[in-house]
Each structure stands twice: as C-alpha cells, then as structure tokens.
Protein backbone atom coordinates (compact mmCIF):
# COMPACT_ATOMS: atom_id res chain seq x y z
CA MET A 1 -4.74 -3.02 -1.83
CA LYS A 2 -1.91 -5.45 -1.47
CA LEU A 3 1.70 -4.67 -1.85
CA THR A 4 4.47 -7.33 -2.38
CA ARG A 5 8.06 -7.25 -2.11
CA ASP A 6 10.44 -9.72 -3.89
CA GLY A 7 14.11 -8.72 -3.22
CA THR A 8 14.12 -5.02 -4.51
CA THR A 9 10.79 -5.41 -6.51
CA TYR A 10 7.62 -4.07 -5.34
CA THR A 11 4.43 -4.98 -6.71
CA ALA A 12 0.83 -3.40 -5.97
CA TYR A 13 -2.39 -5.05 -6.34
CA SER A 14 -5.99 -3.95 -6.29
CA SER A 15 -9.36 -6.00 -5.47
CA LYS A 16 -13.01 -4.84 -5.09
CA ASP A 17 -13.68 -8.10 -3.14
CA GLY A 18 -10.42 -8.98 -1.41
CA GLU A 19 -10.21 -12.59 -3.26
CA THR A 20 -9.62 -11.27 -6.99
CA TRP A 21 -6.29 -9.08 -7.27
CA SER A 22 -5.25 -7.24 -10.26
CA ARG A 23 -1.70 -5.76 -10.54
CA VAL A 24 -1.71 -2.01 -10.34
CA GLY A 25 2.13 -1.71 -11.07
CA THR A 26 5.75 -2.53 -10.24
CA ALA A 27 8.66 -0.58 -8.99
CA GLU A 28 12.32 -1.27 -8.53
CA VAL A 29 13.79 -0.12 -5.26
CA PRO A 30 17.63 -0.78 -5.27
CA SER A 31 18.08 0.62 -1.78
CA ALA A 32 15.73 -2.01 -0.54
CA ALA A 33 18.16 -4.75 -0.33
CA GLY A 34 17.98 -5.30 3.30
CA PRO A 35 15.24 -6.03 5.72
CA GLY A 36 12.33 -3.60 5.43
CA ASP A 37 9.99 -1.89 7.74
CA ALA A 38 5.97 -2.30 7.20
CA GLY A 39 3.36 0.45 7.58
CA MET A 40 0.12 1.88 6.31
CA VAL A 41 -0.92 5.52 5.69
CA ALA A 42 -3.95 7.31 4.21
CA SER A 43 -3.81 10.43 2.64
CA ALA A 44 -6.37 12.95 0.80
CA ALA A 45 -6.23 16.39 -0.80
CA ASN A 46 -9.26 18.13 0.73
CA VAL A 47 -9.08 21.26 -1.69
CA ASN A 48 -12.68 21.99 -0.92
CA TYR A 49 -12.36 21.47 2.94
CA PRO A 50 -9.09 22.95 4.12
CA GLY A 51 -8.09 22.08 7.57
CA GLU A 52 -10.61 19.12 7.43
CA GLY A 53 -9.09 15.59 8.83
CA ILE A 54 -9.24 12.48 7.16
CA GLU A 55 -10.19 9.23 8.88
CA ALA A 56 -9.32 5.51 7.10
CA VAL A 57 -10.34 2.14 8.29
CA PHE A 58 -8.02 -0.49 7.55
CA SER A 59 -9.11 -4.19 8.20
CA LYS A 60 -7.69 -7.67 7.33
CA PHE A 61 -4.28 -5.96 7.87
CA SER A 62 -1.36 -8.78 7.99
CA VAL A 63 2.26 -8.86 7.40
CA THR A 64 3.79 -12.03 6.04
CA SER A 65 7.49 -12.76 5.56
C-alpha cells in the first residue's frame, strides 16, 4: 500500500510486487491544509475468533516530503 498527499488530496495505491502500483482511490480532505502526521495501522474483524489479537508486519516503510 502507498498513500500520497498533494495539498488536501490523498491518493491510495496498491501493489503486489512493490514496483507496479495501481490507484485504489482518491479523497479530498479540506482540513489537511497544514502539516500532517504520518502513521500506520492494522485492523481485522475477528468475527470467528473474538478476543484474538492480530499481528501486522510492515516493511520498506518510509516517509518522504
């Protein structure tokens, strides 16, 4: 997954190999006119296993400006 920001426009991309990217969607966030924070999150709905945790491994994470 790759997320880019241009002013108040965010665009998300996905890739199977980390080299060829396909645009998933774009969103306008008017309140994002100033500097922003960056972060990563993992989520899962463990309907069949309530109370079970999830583990996510992020690699090649970078922040560029």
